[in-house]
Amino acid sequence: MNVANLQLEGLIMAVAAVNNALVHKGLLTVDDIDLALHKVEAGLTGEERNYEDMSSSNRDALCFPVRLLRMANNAQGEVDIPPFSELARMVGSTKQPYNDQR
């Protein structure tokens, strides 16, 4: 596996842990974090961004970290966050197709 991928995996899980801590400290709710991440994803995939030249797989790659963080946020337990591999599987199983034919 590419070292950069491992670094990104670590960073994503670190952000998920911080989000989990914010919820459990009562500073933010699961819904607050989900809304913030939803807005990021909408900004990445919205019409104001020109993705005509970007393939569906590249758009998925761009959105993957945000989608995984949303999964981690919505699947968090009292203390634990599901492992990266489980979250990645969840992202893949809920992926919606794009309207383009790429």
N, C-alpha and C. Protein backbone atom coordinates (compact mmCIF):
# COMPACT_ATOMS: atom_id res chain seq x y z
N MET A 1 0.85 -1.18 0.00
CA MET A 1 0.00 0.00 0.00
C MET A 1 0.89 1.24 0.00
N ASN A 2 0.46 2.24 -0.70
CA ASN A 2 1.16 3.51 -0.78
C ASN A 2 1.20 4.16 0.60
N VAL A 3 2.37 4.68 0.98
CA VAL A 3 2.53 5.32 2.29
C VAL A 3 1.59 6.51 2.45
N ALA A 4 1.37 7.25 1.37
CA ALA A 4 0.45 8.40 1.44
C ALA A 4 -0.95 7.94 1.80
N ASN A 5 -1.37 6.78 1.28
CA ASN A 5 -2.70 6.25 1.63
C ASN A 5 -2.78 5.94 3.12
N LEU A 6 -1.70 5.37 3.66
CA LEU A 6 -1.68 5.07 5.10
C LEU A 6 -1.73 6.35 5.93
N GLN A 7 -1.03 7.37 5.46
CA GLN A 7 -1.04 8.65 6.17
C GLN A 7 -2.44 9.26 6.15
N LEU A 8 -3.11 9.19 4.99
CA LEU A 8 -4.47 9.71 4.90
C LEU A 8 -5.43 8.91 5.77
N GLU A 9 -5.26 7.59 5.80
CA GLU A 9 -6.10 6.76 6.66
C GLU A 9 -5.94 7.18 8.12
N GLY A 10 -4.70 7.39 8.55
CA GLY A 10 -4.46 7.84 9.92
C GLY A 10 -5.07 9.20 10.20
N LEU A 11 -4.93 10.12 9.27
CA LEU A 11 -5.49 11.46 9.44
C LEU A 11 -7.01 11.42 9.51
N ILE A 12 -7.64 10.65 8.63
CA ILE A 12 -9.09 10.56 8.63
C ILE A 12 -9.59 9.99 9.96
N MET A 13 -8.92 8.94 10.45
CA MET A 13 -9.34 8.34 11.72
C MET A 13 -9.09 9.28 12.89
N ALA A 14 -8.04 10.10 12.80
CA ALA A 14 -7.78 11.09 13.84
C ALA A 14 -8.90 12.14 13.88
N VAL A 15 -9.33 12.59 12.71
CA VAL A 15 -10.44 13.55 12.65
C VAL A 15 -11.72 12.91 13.18
N ALA A 16 -11.94 11.65 12.85
CA ALA A 16 -13.12 10.95 13.36
C ALA A 16 -13.08 10.87 14.89
N ALA A 17 -11.90 10.63 15.45
CA ALA A 17 -11.76 10.56 16.91
C ALA A 17 -12.02 11.93 17.55
N VAL A 18 -11.55 12.99 16.91
CA VAL A 18 -11.82 14.34 17.43
C VAL A 18 -13.32 14.64 17.37
N ASN A 19 -13.96 14.29 16.25
CA ASN A 19 -15.41 14.49 16.15
C ASN A 19 -16.14 13.72 17.25
N ASN A 20 -15.72 12.49 17.49
CA ASN A 20 -16.31 11.66 18.54
C ASN A 20 -16.15 12.33 19.89
N ALA A 21 -14.97 12.85 20.16
CA ALA A 21 -14.72 13.52 21.45
C ALA A 21 -15.58 14.78 21.60
N LEU A 22 -15.74 15.53 20.52
CA LEU A 22 -16.58 16.73 20.58
C LEU A 22 -18.02 16.39 20.92
N VAL A 23 -18.51 15.29 20.36
CA VAL A 23 -19.88 14.85 20.66
C VAL A 23 -19.98 14.40 22.11
N HIS A 24 -19.04 13.60 22.56
CA HIS A 24 -19.12 13.05 23.91
C HIS A 24 -18.82 14.08 25.00
N LYS A 25 -18.19 15.18 24.64
CA LYS A 25 -18.00 16.29 25.58
C LYS A 25 -19.20 17.24 25.57
N GLY A 26 -20.13 17.01 24.66
CA GLY A 26 -21.32 17.85 24.58
C GLY A 26 -21.10 19.16 23.86
N LEU A 27 -19.99 19.31 23.15
CA LEU A 27 -19.71 20.55 22.44
C LEU A 27 -20.43 20.63 21.11
N LEU A 28 -20.61 19.49 20.47
CA LEU A 28 -21.37 19.39 19.23
C LEU A 28 -22.22 18.14 19.29
N THR A 29 -23.25 18.08 18.47
CA THR A 29 -24.05 16.87 18.39
C THR A 29 -23.66 16.08 17.13
N VAL A 30 -24.08 14.84 17.08
CA VAL A 30 -23.86 14.03 15.88
C VAL A 30 -24.48 14.75 14.68
N ASP A 31 -25.65 15.34 14.88
CA ASP A 31 -26.33 16.06 13.79
C ASP A 31 -25.54 17.30 13.35
N ASP A 32 -24.93 18.02 14.30
CA ASP A 32 -24.10 19.18 13.95
C ASP A 32 -22.96 18.78 13.03
N ILE A 33 -22.27 17.72 13.40
CA ILE A 33 -21.13 17.26 12.61
C ILE A 33 -21.59 16.74 11.26
N ASP A 34 -22.70 15.99 11.25
CA ASP A 34 -23.21 15.47 9.99
C ASP A 34 -23.58 16.60 9.05
N LEU A 35 -24.22 17.63 9.56
CA LEU A 35 -24.59 18.77 8.72
C LEU A 35 -23.36 19.46 8.15
N ALA A 36 -22.34 19.66 8.97
CA ALA A 36 -21.11 20.30 8.49
C ALA A 36 -20.46 19.47 7.39
N LEU A 37 -20.39 18.15 7.60
CA LEU A 37 -19.79 17.28 6.60
C LEU A 37 -20.65 17.18 5.34
N HIS A 38 -21.96 17.21 5.52
CA HIS A 38 -22.87 17.21 4.36
C HIS A 38 -22.64 18.45 3.50
N LYS A 39 -22.45 19.59 4.15
CA LYS A 39 -22.20 20.83 3.41
C LYS A 39 -20.89 20.75 2.63
N VAL A 40 -19.87 20.14 3.24
CA VAL A 40 -18.60 19.97 2.53
C VAL A 40 -18.79 19.09 1.30
N GLU A 41 -19.47 17.96 1.48
CA GLU A 41 -19.70 17.06 0.36
C GLU A 41 -20.52 17.75 -0.74
N ALA A 42 -21.53 18.48 -0.36
CA ALA A 42 -22.35 19.20 -1.34
C ALA A 42 -21.50 20.22 -2.10
N GLY A 43 -20.59 20.86 -1.41
CA GLY A 43 -19.70 21.81 -2.08
C GLY A 43 -18.74 21.14 -3.05
N LEU A 44 -18.32 19.93 -2.70
CA LEU A 44 -17.41 19.20 -3.59
C LEU A 44 -18.11 18.65 -4.82
N THR A 45 -19.38 18.36 -4.71
CA THR A 45 -20.10 17.73 -5.82
C THR A 45 -21.12 18.64 -6.47
N GLY A 46 -21.30 19.83 -5.94
CA GLY A 46 -22.33 20.73 -6.44
C GLY A 46 -22.05 21.29 -7.82
N GLU A 47 -23.06 21.88 -8.37
CA GLU A 47 -22.97 22.42 -9.72
C GLU A 47 -22.05 23.62 -9.82
N GLU A 48 -21.78 24.29 -8.69
CA GLU A 48 -20.89 25.45 -8.76
C GLU A 48 -19.45 25.02 -9.05
N ARG A 49 -19.15 23.74 -8.82
CA ARG A 49 -17.84 23.20 -9.17
C ARG A 49 -17.95 22.58 -10.56
N ASN A 50 -16.95 22.76 -11.39
CA ASN A 50 -16.98 22.22 -12.74
C ASN A 50 -16.34 20.84 -12.75
N TYR A 51 -17.16 19.80 -12.80
CA TYR A 51 -16.65 18.44 -12.81
C TYR A 51 -16.90 17.73 -14.13
N GLU A 52 -17.14 18.50 -15.17
CA GLU A 52 -17.40 17.88 -16.46
C GLU A 52 -16.24 17.02 -16.93
N ASP A 53 -15.01 17.41 -16.59
CA ASP A 53 -13.84 16.66 -17.02
C ASP A 53 -13.37 15.64 -15.99
N MET A 54 -14.07 15.52 -14.88
CA MET A 54 -13.66 14.59 -13.84
C MET A 54 -14.51 13.32 -13.90
N SER A 55 -13.84 12.19 -13.89
CA SER A 55 -14.56 10.92 -13.95
C SER A 55 -15.29 10.66 -12.63
N SER A 56 -16.26 9.77 -12.69
CA SER A 56 -17.00 9.39 -11.48
C SER A 56 -16.06 8.83 -10.42
N SER A 57 -15.09 8.04 -10.83
CA SER A 57 -14.16 7.46 -9.85
C SER A 57 -13.31 8.54 -9.19
N ASN A 58 -12.94 9.57 -9.94
CA ASN A 58 -12.19 10.67 -9.33
C ASN A 58 -13.06 11.47 -8.37
N ARG A 59 -14.32 11.67 -8.73
CA ARG A 59 -15.24 12.36 -7.80
C ARG A 59 -15.43 11.54 -6.53
N ASP A 60 -15.54 10.22 -6.69
CA ASP A 60 -15.66 9.35 -5.52
C ASP A 60 -14.42 9.47 -4.64
N ALA A 61 -13.25 9.52 -5.26
CA ALA A 61 -12.01 9.65 -4.50
C ALA A 61 -11.98 10.98 -3.75
N LEU A 62 -12.44 12.03 -4.38
CA LEU A 62 -12.48 13.35 -3.75
C LEU A 62 -13.41 13.35 -2.54
N CYS A 63 -14.54 12.68 -2.66
CA CYS A 63 -15.56 12.69 -1.61
C CYS A 63 -15.36 11.60 -0.55
N PHE A 64 -14.52 10.61 -0.84
CA PHE A 64 -14.37 9.48 0.07
C PHE A 64 -14.07 9.88 1.52
N PRO A 65 -13.09 10.77 1.78
CA PRO A 65 -12.80 11.11 3.18
C PRO A 65 -14.00 11.72 3.91
N VAL A 66 -14.73 12.58 3.21
CA VAL A 66 -15.90 13.21 3.83
C VAL A 66 -16.98 12.17 4.11
N ARG A 67 -17.21 11.30 3.15
CA ARG A 67 -18.22 10.26 3.32
C ARG A 67 -17.83 9.31 4.46
N LEU A 68 -16.55 8.98 4.55
CA LEU A 68 -16.11 8.10 5.62
C LEU A 68 -16.28 8.78 6.97
N LEU A 69 -15.96 10.06 7.06
CA LEU A 69 -16.15 10.79 8.32
C LEU A 69 -17.63 10.86 8.70
N ARG A 70 -18.50 11.02 7.71
CA ARG A 70 -19.94 11.00 8.01
C ARG A 70 -20.36 9.64 8.54
N MET A 71 -19.85 8.57 7.94
CA MET A 71 -20.16 7.22 8.42
C MET A 71 -19.65 7.03 9.85
N ALA A 72 -18.43 7.46 10.09
CA ALA A 72 -17.85 7.33 11.44
C ALA A 72 -18.67 8.11 12.45
N ASN A 73 -19.09 9.29 12.08
CA ASN A 73 -19.90 10.12 12.96
C ASN A 73 -21.23 9.47 13.28
N ASN A 74 -21.90 8.97 12.26
CA ASN A 74 -23.23 8.40 12.45
C ASN A 74 -23.20 6.99 13.03
N ALA A 75 -22.05 6.32 12.98
CA ALA A 75 -21.95 4.96 13.49
C ALA A 75 -21.24 4.89 14.84
N GLN A 76 -20.84 6.04 15.38
CA GLN A 76 -20.09 6.02 16.63
C GLN A 76 -20.93 5.47 17.77
N GLY A 77 -20.25 4.76 18.65
CA GLY A 77 -20.88 4.23 19.84
C GLY A 77 -20.61 5.15 21.01
N GLU A 78 -20.71 4.61 22.19
CA GLU A 78 -20.45 5.41 23.39
C GLU A 78 -19.04 5.97 23.39
N VAL A 79 -18.07 5.18 22.96
CA VAL A 79 -16.68 5.61 22.96
C VAL A 79 -15.99 5.26 21.65
N ASP A 80 -16.31 4.12 21.10
CA ASP A 80 -15.58 3.59 19.96
C ASP A 80 -16.11 4.07 18.62
N ILE A 81 -15.18 4.11 17.68
CA ILE A 81 -15.49 4.38 16.28
C ILE A 81 -15.19 3.09 15.53
N PRO A 82 -16.03 2.68 14.60
CA PRO A 82 -15.73 1.47 13.84
C PRO A 82 -14.37 1.60 13.15
N PRO A 83 -13.70 0.48 12.89
CA PRO A 83 -12.40 0.54 12.22
C PRO A 83 -12.52 1.07 10.79
N PHE A 84 -11.40 1.58 10.28
CA PHE A 84 -11.36 2.17 8.95
C PHE A 84 -11.90 1.21 7.90
N SER A 85 -11.49 -0.05 7.96
CA SER A 85 -11.91 -1.02 6.93
C SER A 85 -13.43 -1.19 6.91
N GLU A 86 -14.04 -1.20 8.08
CA GLU A 86 -15.50 -1.32 8.15
C GLU A 86 -16.18 -0.06 7.61
N LEU A 87 -15.64 1.10 7.98
CA LEU A 87 -16.20 2.36 7.49
C LEU A 87 -16.07 2.46 5.97
N ALA A 88 -14.92 2.05 5.43
CA ALA A 88 -14.72 2.09 3.98
C ALA A 88 -15.72 1.19 3.27
N ARG A 89 -15.98 0.02 3.85
CA ARG A 89 -16.98 -0.89 3.27
C ARG A 89 -18.36 -0.23 3.29
N MET A 90 -18.67 0.45 4.38
CA MET A 90 -19.97 1.11 4.50
C MET A 90 -20.11 2.21 3.44
N VAL A 91 -19.04 2.97 3.23
CA VAL A 91 -19.07 4.02 2.21
C VAL A 91 -19.33 3.40 0.84
N GLY A 92 -18.64 2.33 0.53
CA GLY A 92 -18.81 1.66 -0.76
C GLY A 92 -20.21 1.11 -0.97
N SER A 93 -20.80 0.60 0.11
CA SER A 93 -22.13 -0.01 -0.04
C SER A 93 -23.24 1.02 -0.13
N THR A 94 -22.97 2.27 0.22
CA THR A 94 -24.01 3.30 0.17
C THR A 94 -23.79 4.30 -0.96
N LYS A 95 -22.75 4.09 -1.76
CA LYS A 95 -22.42 5.02 -2.84
C LYS A 95 -23.56 5.09 -3.86
N GLN A 96 -23.92 6.29 -4.20
CA GLN A 96 -24.96 6.53 -5.20
C GLN A 96 -24.29 6.82 -6.54
N PRO A 97 -24.87 6.34 -7.64
CA PRO A 97 -24.27 6.62 -8.96
C PRO A 97 -24.45 8.08 -9.34
N TYR A 98 -23.53 8.57 -10.16
CA TYR A 98 -23.65 9.91 -10.71
C TYR A 98 -24.51 9.85 -11.96
N ASN A 99 -25.00 11.00 -12.38
CA ASN A 99 -25.86 11.05 -13.55
C ASN A 99 -25.09 10.96 -14.86
N ASP A 100 -23.78 11.15 -14.80
CA ASP A 100 -23.03 11.11 -16.05
C ASP A 100 -22.78 9.67 -16.49
N GLN A 101 -22.29 9.49 -17.68
CA GLN A 101 -22.08 8.16 -18.24
C GLN A 101 -20.59 7.81 -18.32
N ARG A 102 -19.75 8.40 -17.50
CA ARG A 102 -18.30 8.11 -17.52
C ARG A 102 -18.02 6.78 -16.93
